[in-house]
Amino acid sequence: MALKSRWLAIAILLWLTACAPIDSPRPIDPARPSETVSPLTLAPTPTPTPVPADTGWREVRPGLEYRELNFSAGGRYDRLRLARVDPAQVRLRVRYDPDRPRVVSEWLSAPSTLLAVNGSYFDPQYRALGLIVADGRRAGQAYQGFGGMFVAYADRAEVRWNVDRPFEEAVVLTDAMQNFPMLVLPGGRANDQIDDNGARAPRTAVAQDRSGRIVFVVSPLPAFTLTEFGAWLAASDLDIDAALNLDGGTSSGLMLRDGDQVLGVNSWVSVPSAIVAEAE
C-alpha cells in the first residue's frame, strides 16, 4: 500500500509538471538599455503606377499626338502604338536608303525628325518592290490595279486606293510610297476581299481620317491577320476614311520623340524606307 501511494505521488507530480504554464519572458530591466527591444519596422512597399488600358491621345506638340491602347480578342492580346499627324502643321516625308537600311529608331536619329514609321516591302537587297518617291527621286515598280499609295505634300497628305485613283506617270511627286493591300477602302469600309492566308503577324498601317489627319498604327505582336487588322481599323474610334498596309512582321516599328523621351516600339530588323515627320 505504501508502494502504491508512492507511485501515485510520483504520477501526480509528473502530471503537474506537464501541465505547468510556459514561463513568461523575463521583464526588461529599465536599468539595462541593452535589453530594450525595438519594434520591427517594415518599409512601405511602393505602389506601382497602373498603366491605363488606353492612354487617349496626348499632344506631343501642335499637330503631333501619341496614343497607346490595349487590344484583346479571342485570347489574343497586344498593346497598340499610334501616332496622329496633322500635315498642315507637321511635315511628312518619305525616306529611302537601300544602301544603308536602318532600324526605325535610327530613322528617328536626325535632330529634326519627330516621328519615324517603317515603310514598304523590299527585296533581299533592300530594294523597294512598289513605287517609292523620296525627295523627288523615284525607285521601284508602280503597282497598277491593286494596293494603295501614301502621298505627302508640303501641307497635306493622302492615302489613296490604286483602283480608285491609279498612279499617273506624268504627275510629279516628291514624297510617295506604294504598298498593299488596302485595309480600309475610301469611305471607311473594311476591305473584305484581301488575299489573306490567315497568318497573324505584327502589323503596320498608315491611314487617313475623315478630318484629313494621317494616323499610323503599329501592332507589335502577332495579334491580327490582314483582314482582322482592317476590320479593327474600320470599327475603331479613329474615324478612318482609308488605310493602307505597310511592311509588317519584324519590320514593324513606330517611334516618336517627346523632348528627351522616345516613345513607341522599335523594329527588329533594318528597313530601307520609312515615313517620317519633321519639324519645320
C-alpha atoms as a PDB file:
ATOM      1  CA  MET A   1       0.000   0.000   0.000  1.00  0.00           C
ATOM      2  CA  ALA A   2       2.903   2.339   0.797  1.00  0.00           C
ATOM      3  CA  LEU A   3       4.496   1.494  -2.583  1.00  0.00           C
ATOM      4  CA  LYS A   4       1.224   2.183  -4.352  1.00  0.00           C
ATOM      5  CA  SER A   5       0.907   5.551  -2.586  1.00  0.00           C
ATOM      6  CA  ARG A   6       4.464   6.452  -3.526  1.00  0.00           C
ATOM      7  CA  TRP A   7       3.812   5.722  -7.264  1.00  0.00           C
ATOM      8  CA  LEU A   8       0.594   7.731  -7.035  1.00  0.00           C
ATOM      9  CA  ALA A   9       2.506  10.704  -5.632  1.00  0.00           C
ATOM     10  CA  ILE A  10       5.105  10.449  -8.454  1.00  0.00           C
ATOM     11  CA  ALA A  11       2.333  10.305 -11.087  1.00  0.00           C
ATOM     12  CA  ILE A  12       0.645  13.414  -9.662  1.00  0.00           C
ATOM     13  CA  LEU A  13       3.978  15.264  -9.634  1.00  0.00           C
ATOM     14  CA  LEU A  14       4.636  14.394 -13.330  1.00  0.00           C
ATOM     15  CA  TRP A  15       1.121  15.488 -14.283  1.00  0.00           C
ATOM     16  CA  LEU A  16       1.543  18.827 -12.506  1.00  0.00           C
ATOM     17  CA  THR A  17       4.889  19.338 -14.231  1.00  0.00           C
ATOM     18  CA  ALA A  18       3.409  18.588 -17.671  1.00  0.00           C
ATOM     19  CA  CYS A  19       0.510  20.986 -17.115  1.00  0.00           C
ATOM     20  CA  ALA A  20       2.596  23.837 -15.739  1.00  0.00           C
ATOM     21  CA  PRO A  21       2.379  27.012 -17.838  1.00  0.00           C
ATOM     22  CA  ILE A  22       5.349  28.019 -20.009  1.00  0.00           C
ATOM     23  CA  ASP A  23       7.495  30.617 -18.299  1.00  0.00           C
ATOM     24  CA  SER A  24       6.812  34.187 -19.486  1.00  0.00           C
ATOM     25  CA  PRO A  25       9.807  36.203 -20.788  1.00  0.00           C
ATOM     26  CA  ARG A  26      11.782  37.891 -18.046  1.00  0.00           C
ATOM     27  CA  PRO A  27      10.678  41.518 -17.570  1.00  0.00           C
ATOM     28  CA  ILE A  28      13.015  44.057 -19.172  1.00  0.00           C
ATOM     29  CA  ASP A  29      15.201  45.840 -16.617  1.00  0.00           C
ATOM     30  CA  PRO A  30      14.982  49.588 -17.387  1.00  0.00           C
ATOM     31  CA  ALA A  31      18.409  49.983 -15.886  1.00  0.00           C
ATOM     32  CA  ARG A  32      19.884  47.817 -18.642  1.00  0.00           C
ATOM     33  CA  PRO A  33      19.243  49.513 -22.007  1.00  0.00           C
ATOM     34  CA  SER A  34      20.927  46.679 -23.844  1.00  0.00           C
ATOM     35  CA  GLU A  35      17.843  44.620 -23.156  1.00  0.00           C
ATOM     36  CA  THR A  36      15.464  47.139 -24.708  1.00  0.00           C
ATOM     37  CA  VAL A  37      13.559  45.527 -27.603  1.00  0.00           C
ATOM     38  CA  SER A  38      12.703  47.807 -30.552  1.00  0.00           C
ATOM     39  CA  PRO A  39       9.562  47.057 -32.560  1.00  0.00           C
ATOM     40  CA  LEU A  40      10.156  45.690 -36.094  1.00  0.00           C
ATOM     41  CA  THR A  41       9.677  48.412 -38.670  1.00  0.00           C
ATOM     42  CA  LEU A  42       8.813  47.383 -42.259  1.00  0.00           C
ATOM     43  CA  ALA A  43       9.475  49.776 -45.159  1.00  0.00           C
ATOM     44  CA  PRO A  44       6.263  50.522 -47.090  1.00  0.00           C
ATOM     45  CA  THR A  45       6.012  48.715 -50.426  1.00  0.00           C
ATOM     46  CA  PRO A  46       5.876  51.213 -53.316  1.00  0.00           C
ATOM     47  CA  THR A  47       2.558  51.169 -55.122  1.00  0.00           C
ATOM     48  CA  PRO A  48       3.179  50.750 -58.876  1.00  0.00           C
ATOM     49  CA  THR A  49       1.575  53.330 -61.120  1.00  0.00           C
ATOM     50  CA  PRO A  50      -1.096  51.485 -63.106  1.00  0.00           C
ATOM     51  CA  VAL A  51      -0.707  51.591 -66.870  1.00  0.00           C
ATOM     52  CA  PRO A  52      -4.001  52.697 -68.414  1.00  0.00           C
ATOM     53  CA  ALA A  53      -5.569  50.337 -70.918  1.00  0.00           C
ATOM     54  CA  ASP A  54      -5.973  53.347 -73.214  1.00  0.00           C
ATOM     55  CA  THR A  55      -3.845  56.445 -72.706  1.00  0.00           C
ATOM     56  CA  GLY A  56      -6.031  58.511 -75.026  1.00  0.00           C
ATOM     57  CA  TRP A  57      -4.484  60.973 -77.434  1.00  0.00           C
ATOM     58  CA  ARG A  58      -1.715  63.054 -75.896  1.00  0.00           C
ATOM     59  CA  GLU A  59      -0.342  66.086 -77.722  1.00  0.00           C
ATOM     60  CA  VAL A  60       3.408  65.912 -78.088  1.00  0.00           C
ATOM     61  CA  ARG A  61       3.492  69.176 -79.985  1.00  0.00           C
ATOM     62  CA  PRO A  62       0.943  71.032 -82.124  1.00  0.00           C
ATOM     63  CA  GLY A  63      -0.027  68.707 -84.963  1.00  0.00           C
ATOM     64  CA  LEU A  64       1.511  65.565 -83.449  1.00  0.00           C
ATOM     65  CA  GLU A  65      -0.231  63.214 -80.993  1.00  0.00           C
ATOM     66  CA  TYR A  66       0.603  59.842 -79.460  1.00  0.00           C
ATOM     67  CA  ARG A  67      -1.555  57.079 -78.004  1.00  0.00           C
ATOM     68  CA  GLU A  68      -1.224  53.539 -76.655  1.00  0.00           C
ATOM     69  CA  LEU A  69      -4.108  51.155 -76.131  1.00  0.00           C
ATOM     70  CA  ASN A  70      -4.661  47.521 -75.302  1.00  0.00           C
ATOM     71  CA  PHE A  71      -6.246  45.108 -77.762  1.00  0.00           C
ATOM     72  CA  SER A  72      -7.776  41.837 -76.626  1.00  0.00           C
ATOM     73  CA  ALA A  73      -9.989  39.394 -78.533  1.00  0.00           C
ATOM     74  CA  GLY A  74     -10.309  35.627 -78.641  1.00  0.00           C
ATOM     75  CA  GLY A  75      -7.283  35.026 -76.441  1.00  0.00           C
ATOM     76  CA  ARG A  76      -5.158  37.423 -78.471  1.00  0.00           C
ATOM     77  CA  TYR A  77      -3.561  40.437 -76.836  1.00  0.00           C
ATOM     78  CA  ASP A  78      -1.445  43.382 -77.921  1.00  0.00           C
ATOM     79  CA  ARG A  79      -0.599  46.924 -76.896  1.00  0.00           C
ATOM     80  CA  LEU A  80      -1.000  49.083 -79.989  1.00  0.00           C
ATOM     81  CA  ARG A  81       1.105  52.176 -80.642  1.00  0.00           C
ATOM     82  CA  LEU A  82      -0.470  55.019 -82.593  1.00  0.00           C
ATOM     83  CA  ALA A  83       0.566  58.440 -83.818  1.00  0.00           C
ATOM     84  CA  ARG A  84      -1.662  61.061 -85.407  1.00  0.00           C
ATOM     85  CA  VAL A  85      -0.272  63.858 -87.555  1.00  0.00           C
ATOM     86  CA  ASP A  86      -1.905  66.994 -88.889  1.00  0.00           C
ATOM     87  CA  PRO A  87       0.084  67.532 -92.121  1.00  0.00           C
ATOM     88  CA  ALA A  88      -0.928  71.197 -92.126  1.00  0.00           C
ATOM     89  CA  GLN A  89       1.215  71.654 -89.007  1.00  0.00           C
ATOM     90  CA  VAL A  90       3.882  68.927 -89.262  1.00  0.00           C
ATOM     91  CA  ARG A  91       5.648  67.994 -92.490  1.00  0.00           C
ATOM     92  CA  LEU A  92       5.546  64.321 -93.533  1.00  0.00           C
ATOM     93  CA  ARG A  93       8.295  62.919 -95.751  1.00  0.00           C
ATOM     94  CA  VAL A  94       9.324  59.603 -97.295  1.00  0.00           C
ATOM     95  CA  ARG A  95      12.891  58.405 -96.727  1.00  0.00           C
ATOM     96  CA  TYR A  96      14.618  55.680 -98.755  1.00  0.00           C
ATOM     97  CA  ASP A  97      18.197  54.408 -98.496  1.00  0.00           C
ATOM     98  CA  PRO A  98      18.667  50.796 -99.696  1.00  0.00           C
ATOM     99  CA  ASP A  99      22.431  51.093 -99.283  1.00  0.00           C
ATOM    100  CA  ARG A 100      22.087  51.906 -95.599  1.00  0.00           C
ATOM    101  CA  PRO A 101      18.992  50.244 -94.123  1.00  0.00           C
ATOM    102  CA  ARG A 102      18.250  51.097 -90.501  1.00  0.00           C
ATOM    103  CA  VAL A 103      16.024  50.025 -87.656  1.00  0.00           C
ATOM    104  CA  VAL A 104      13.225  52.512 -87.024  1.00  0.00           C
ATOM    105  CA  SER A 105      14.989  54.141 -84.060  1.00  0.00           C
ATOM    106  CA  GLU A 106      17.887  55.036 -86.375  1.00  0.00           C
ATOM    107  CA  TRP A 107      15.485  56.668 -88.839  1.00  0.00           C
ATOM    108  CA  LEU A 108      14.484  58.831 -85.880  1.00  0.00           C
ATOM    109  CA  SER A 109      18.051  59.893 -85.068  1.00  0.00           C
ATOM    110  CA  ALA A 110      18.161  63.111 -87.119  1.00  0.00           C
ATOM    111  CA  PRO A 111      17.571  66.106 -84.791  1.00  0.00           C
ATOM    112  CA  SER A 112      14.725  67.454 -86.939  1.00  0.00           C
ATOM    113  CA  THR A 113      12.876  64.106 -87.082  1.00  0.00           C
ATOM    114  CA  LEU A 114       9.925  63.854 -84.690  1.00  0.00           C
ATOM    115  CA  LEU A 115       8.430  60.547 -85.808  1.00  0.00           C
ATOM    116  CA  ALA A 116       9.518  57.512 -87.822  1.00  0.00           C
ATOM    117  CA  VAL A 117       7.453  54.552 -89.055  1.00  0.00           C
ATOM    118  CA  ASN A 118       8.702  51.621 -91.102  1.00  0.00           C
ATOM    119  CA  GLY A 119       7.913  51.706 -94.813  1.00  0.00           C
ATOM    120  CA  SER A 120       7.021  49.348 -97.648  1.00  0.00           C
ATOM    121  CA  TYR A 121       8.008  45.866 -98.846  1.00  0.00           C
ATOM    122  CA  PHE A 122      11.563  45.295-100.066  1.00  0.00           C
ATOM    123  CA  ASP A 123      13.626  42.513-101.602  1.00  0.00           C
ATOM    124  CA  PRO A 124      16.703  40.779-100.065  1.00  0.00           C
ATOM    125  CA  GLN A 125      18.903  43.562-101.472  1.00  0.00           C
ATOM    126  CA  TYR A 126      16.743  46.145 -99.646  1.00  0.00           C
ATOM    127  CA  ARG A 127      15.297  47.486-102.897  1.00  0.00           C
ATOM    128  CA  ALA A 128      11.710  48.718-102.773  1.00  0.00           C
ATOM    129  CA  LEU A 129       9.207  46.497-104.556  1.00  0.00           C
ATOM    130  CA  GLY A 130       6.458  49.048-105.169  1.00  0.00           C
ATOM    131  CA  LEU A 131       6.886  52.620-106.320  1.00  0.00           C
ATOM    132  CA  ILE A 132       8.683  54.844-103.841  1.00  0.00           C
ATOM    133  CA  VAL A 133       9.474  58.541-104.253  1.00  0.00           C
ATOM    134  CA  ALA A 134      11.810  60.263-101.820  1.00  0.00           C
ATOM    135  CA  ASP A 135      12.913  63.866-102.324  1.00  0.00           C
ATOM    136  CA  GLY A 136      11.540  63.606-105.876  1.00  0.00           C
ATOM    137  CA  ARG A 137      13.662  60.571-106.811  1.00  0.00           C
ATOM    138  CA  ARG A 138      11.745  57.519-107.971  1.00  0.00           C
ATOM    139  CA  ALA A 139      12.538  53.846-107.374  1.00  0.00           C
ATOM    140  CA  GLY A 140      10.669  50.547-107.540  1.00  0.00           C
ATOM    141  CA  GLN A 141       7.844  49.487-109.822  1.00  0.00           C
ATOM    142  CA  ALA A 142       4.451  51.198-109.807  1.00  0.00           C
ATOM    143  CA  TYR A 143       1.534  48.978-108.798  1.00  0.00           C
ATOM    144  CA  GLN A 144      -1.458  49.257-111.086  1.00  0.00           C
ATOM    145  CA  GLY A 145      -4.919  47.909-110.286  1.00  0.00           C
ATOM    146  CA  PHE A 146      -4.191  46.857-106.710  1.00  0.00           C
ATOM    147  CA  GLY A 147      -2.738  48.175-103.488  1.00  0.00           C
ATOM    148  CA  GLY A 148      -2.549  51.787-102.459  1.00  0.00           C
ATOM    149  CA  MET A 149      -0.252  54.756-102.080  1.00  0.00           C
ATOM    150  CA  PHE A 150       0.678  57.213 -99.358  1.00  0.00           C
ATOM    151  CA  VAL A 151       1.424  60.659-100.786  1.00  0.00           C
ATOM    152  CA  ALA A 152       2.769  63.669 -98.869  1.00  0.00           C
ATOM    153  CA  TYR A 153       2.841  67.282 -99.969  1.00  0.00           C
ATOM    154  CA  ALA A 154       4.137  70.397 -98.216  1.00  0.00           C
ATOM    155  CA  ASP A 155       0.944  70.950 -96.218  1.00  0.00           C
ATOM    156  CA  ARG A 156      -1.235  67.860 -96.716  1.00  0.00           C
ATOM    157  CA  ALA A 157      -1.072  64.105 -97.188  1.00  0.00           C
ATOM    158  CA  GLU A 158      -3.312  61.373 -98.595  1.00  0.00           C
ATOM    159  CA  VAL A 159      -3.863  57.632 -98.537  1.00  0.00           C
ATOM    160  CA  ARG A 160      -5.067  56.540-101.991  1.00  0.00           C
ATOM    161  CA  TRP A 161      -6.506  53.322-103.409  1.00  0.00           C
ATOM    162  CA  ASN A 162      -4.787  52.460-106.691  1.00  0.00           C
ATOM    163  CA  VAL A 163      -8.013  51.063-108.134  1.00  0.00           C
ATOM    164  CA  ASP A 164      -9.890  54.264-107.388  1.00  0.00           C
ATOM    165  CA  ARG A 165      -7.008  56.625-108.222  1.00  0.00           C
ATOM    166  CA  PRO A 166      -4.424  54.946-110.465  1.00  0.00           C
ATOM    167  CA  PHE A 167      -0.869  56.226-110.494  1.00  0.00           C
ATOM    168  CA  GLU A 168      -0.211  58.647-113.340  1.00  0.00           C
ATOM    169  CA  GLU A 169       3.302  58.777-114.742  1.00  0.00           C
ATOM    170  CA  ALA A 170       3.006  62.430-115.689  1.00  0.00           C
ATOM    171  CA  VAL A 171       2.207  63.567-112.156  1.00  0.00           C
ATOM    172  CA  VAL A 172       5.221  64.949-110.310  1.00  0.00           C
ATOM    173  CA  LEU A 173       5.527  63.658-106.745  1.00  0.00           C
ATOM    174  CA  THR A 174       8.175  64.451-104.152  1.00  0.00           C
ATOM    175  CA  ASP A 175       7.198  62.004-101.368  1.00  0.00           C
ATOM    176  CA  ALA A 176       5.170  58.851-102.016  1.00  0.00           C
ATOM    177  CA  MET A 177       5.119  55.160-101.129  1.00  0.00           C
ATOM    178  CA  GLN A 178       3.073  52.279-102.556  1.00  0.00           C
ATOM    179  CA  ASN A 179       2.226  49.032-100.805  1.00  0.00           C
ATOM    180  CA  PHE A 180      -0.593  46.506-100.500  1.00  0.00           C
ATOM    181  CA  PRO A 181      -3.224  45.563 -99.582  1.00  0.00           C
ATOM    182  CA  MET A 182      -5.650  48.331 -98.768  1.00  0.00           C
ATOM    183  CA  LEU A 183      -7.007  47.566 -95.299  1.00  0.00           C
ATOM    184  CA  VAL A 184      -9.821  50.104 -95.319  1.00  0.00           C
ATOM    185  CA  LEU A 185     -11.268  51.332 -98.621  1.00  0.00           C
ATOM    186  CA  PRO A 186     -12.088  55.021 -99.183  1.00  0.00           C
ATOM    187  CA  GLY A 187     -15.280  55.824 -97.324  1.00  0.00           C
ATOM    188  CA  GLY A 188     -14.305  53.812 -94.254  1.00  0.00           C
ATOM    189  CA  ARG A 189     -15.336  50.287 -95.298  1.00  0.00           C
ATOM    190  CA  ALA A 190     -13.081  47.402 -94.269  1.00  0.00           C
ATOM    191  CA  ASN A 191     -11.630  45.580 -97.263  1.00  0.00           C
ATOM    192  CA  ASP A 192     -13.182  42.092 -97.116  1.00  0.00           C
ATOM    193  CA  GLN A 193     -11.521  40.997-100.374  1.00  0.00           C
ATOM    194  CA  ILE A 194      -7.946  40.745 -99.069  1.00  0.00           C
ATOM    195  CA  ASP A 195      -5.962  37.754-100.311  1.00  0.00           C
ATOM    196  CA  ASP A 196      -5.332  36.669 -96.724  1.00  0.00           C
ATOM    197  CA  ASN A 197      -3.541  33.436 -95.808  1.00  0.00           C
ATOM    198  CA  GLY A 198      -4.875  33.633 -92.248  1.00  0.00           C
ATOM    199  CA  ALA A 199      -1.473  34.181 -90.663  1.00  0.00           C
ATOM    200  CA  ARG A 200      -1.202  36.558 -87.721  1.00  0.00           C
ATOM    201  CA  ALA A 201       1.864  38.775 -87.519  1.00  0.00           C
ATOM    202  CA  PRO A 202       2.981  42.210 -86.321  1.00  0.00           C
ATOM    203  CA  ARG A 203       1.319  44.880 -88.482  1.00  0.00           C
ATOM    204  CA  THR A 204       1.863  48.489 -89.568  1.00  0.00           C
ATOM    205  CA  ALA A 205      -0.763  50.697 -91.203  1.00  0.00           C
ATOM    206  CA  VAL A 206      -0.883  54.255 -92.489  1.00  0.00           C
ATOM    207  CA  ALA A 207      -4.395  55.689 -92.520  1.00  0.00           C
ATOM    208  CA  GLN A 208      -6.196  58.917 -93.265  1.00  0.00           C
ATOM    209  CA  ASP A 209      -9.077  60.001 -91.061  1.00  0.00           C
ATOM    210  CA  ARG A 210     -12.110  61.990 -92.139  1.00  0.00           C
ATOM    211  CA  SER A 211     -10.500  65.202 -90.887  1.00  0.00           C
ATOM    212  CA  GLY A 212      -7.512  64.758 -93.206  1.00  0.00           C
ATOM    213  CA  ARG A 213      -5.078  63.737 -90.469  1.00  0.00           C
ATOM    214  CA  ILE A 214      -2.664  60.855 -91.016  1.00  0.00           C
ATOM    215  CA  VAL A 215      -2.821  58.055 -88.458  1.00  0.00           C
ATOM    216  CA  PHE A 216      -0.090  55.450 -88.033  1.00  0.00           C
ATOM    217  CA  VAL A 217      -0.919  52.219 -86.192  1.00  0.00           C
ATOM    218  CA  VAL A 218       1.564  49.515 -85.200  1.00  0.00           C
ATOM    219  CA  SER A 219       0.588  46.178 -83.680  1.00  0.00           C
ATOM    220  CA  PRO A 220       3.947  44.778 -82.472  1.00  0.00           C
ATOM    221  CA  LEU A 221       2.667  41.293 -81.568  1.00  0.00           C
ATOM    222  CA  PRO A 222       1.133  38.655 -83.877  1.00  0.00           C
ATOM    223  CA  ALA A 223      -2.431  39.604 -82.958  1.00  0.00           C
ATOM    224  CA  PHE A 224      -4.049  40.261 -86.360  1.00  0.00           C
ATOM    225  CA  THR A 225      -4.428  38.736 -89.768  1.00  0.00           C
ATOM    226  CA  LEU A 226      -4.594  41.369 -92.510  1.00  0.00           C
ATOM    227  CA  THR A 227      -8.383  41.027 -92.696  1.00  0.00           C
ATOM    228  CA  GLU A 228      -8.723  41.308 -88.910  1.00  0.00           C
ATOM    229  CA  PHE A 229      -6.476  44.372 -88.863  1.00  0.00           C
ATOM    230  CA  GLY A 230      -8.593  46.106 -91.493  1.00  0.00           C
ATOM    231  CA  ALA A 231     -11.807  45.210 -89.661  1.00  0.00           C
ATOM    232  CA  TRP A 232     -10.417  46.570 -86.385  1.00  0.00           C
ATOM    233  CA  LEU A 233      -9.298  49.838 -88.004  1.00  0.00           C
ATOM    234  CA  ALA A 234     -12.683  50.363 -89.674  1.00  0.00           C
ATOM    235  CA  ALA A 235     -14.599  49.681 -86.438  1.00  0.00           C
ATOM    236  CA  SER A 236     -12.301  51.697 -84.160  1.00  0.00           C
ATOM    237  CA  ASP A 237     -12.841  55.220 -82.835  1.00  0.00           C
ATOM    238  CA  LEU A 238     -10.122  56.517 -85.184  1.00  0.00           C
ATOM    239  CA  ASP A 239     -12.681  57.749 -87.740  1.00  0.00           C
ATOM    240  CA  ILE A 240     -10.705  56.137 -90.563  1.00  0.00           C
ATOM    241  CA  ASP A 241     -11.563  57.028 -94.154  1.00  0.00           C
ATOM    242  CA  ALA A 242      -8.857  54.859 -95.805  1.00  0.00           C
ATOM    243  CA  ALA A 243      -5.977  52.701 -94.566  1.00  0.00           C
ATOM    244  CA  LEU A 244      -3.026  51.064 -96.310  1.00  0.00           C
ATOM    245  CA  ASN A 245      -0.969  48.142 -95.054  1.00  0.00           C
ATOM    246  CA  LEU A 246       2.777  48.732 -94.791  1.00  0.00           C
ATOM    247  CA  ASP A 247       5.502  46.130 -94.246  1.00  0.00           C
ATOM    248  CA  GLY A 248       4.810  44.051 -91.137  1.00  0.00           C
ATOM    249  CA  GLY A 249       6.470  41.245 -89.234  1.00  0.00           C
ATOM    250  CA  THR A 250       9.906  42.082 -87.863  1.00  0.00           C
ATOM    251  CA  SER A 251       9.906  45.332 -89.890  1.00  0.00           C
ATOM    252  CA  SER A 252       7.073  46.876 -87.855  1.00  0.00           C
ATOM    253  CA  GLY A 253       8.066  49.852 -85.747  1.00  0.00           C
ATOM    254  CA  LEU A 254       6.862  53.290 -84.737  1.00  0.00           C
ATOM    255  CA  MET A 255       8.973  55.692 -82.690  1.00  0.00           C
ATOM    256  CA  LEU A 256       8.295  59.256 -81.667  1.00  0.00           C
ATOM    257  CA  ARG A 257      10.380  61.900 -79.936  1.00  0.00           C
ATOM    258  CA  ASP A 258       8.860  63.709 -76.955  1.00  0.00           C
ATOM    259  CA  GLY A 259      11.566  66.058 -75.681  1.00  0.00           C
ATOM    260  CA  ASP A 260      14.307  63.840 -74.248  1.00  0.00           C
ATOM    261  CA  GLN A 261      11.989  60.824 -74.197  1.00  0.00           C
ATOM    262  CA  VAL A 262      11.432  58.349 -77.021  1.00  0.00           C
ATOM    263  CA  LEU A 263       8.041  56.644 -77.240  1.00  0.00           C
ATOM    264  CA  GLY A 264       6.783  53.719 -79.281  1.00  0.00           C
ATOM    265  CA  VAL A 265       8.264  50.400 -80.340  1.00  0.00           C
ATOM    266  CA  ASN A 266      11.337  49.661 -82.453  1.00  0.00           C
ATOM    267  CA  SER A 267      11.577  47.312 -85.430  1.00  0.00           C
ATOM    268  CA  TRP A 268      13.502  44.064 -85.030  1.00  0.00           C
ATOM    269  CA  VAL A 269      15.291  44.397 -88.365  1.00  0.00           C
ATOM    270  CA  SER A 270      16.722  47.160 -90.520  1.00  0.00           C
ATOM    271  CA  VAL A 271      14.433  48.618 -93.182  1.00  0.00           C
ATOM    272  CA  PRO A 272      15.375  50.638 -96.278  1.00  0.00           C
ATOM    273  CA  SER A 273      12.436  53.052 -96.149  1.00  0.00           C
ATOM    274  CA  ALA A 274      10.425  54.998 -93.621  1.00  0.00           C
ATOM    275  CA  ILE A 275       7.771  57.663 -93.334  1.00  0.00           C
ATOM    276  CA  VAL A 276       8.974  60.460 -91.074  1.00  0.00           C
ATOM    277  CA  ALA A 277       7.542  63.618 -89.573  1.00  0.00           C
ATOM    278  CA  GLU A 278       9.876  66.594 -89.420  1.00  0.00           C
ATOM    279  CA  ALA A 279       9.945  69.851 -87.543  1.00  0.00           C
ATOM    280  CA  GLU A 280       9.786  72.837 -89.854  1.00  0.00           C
END
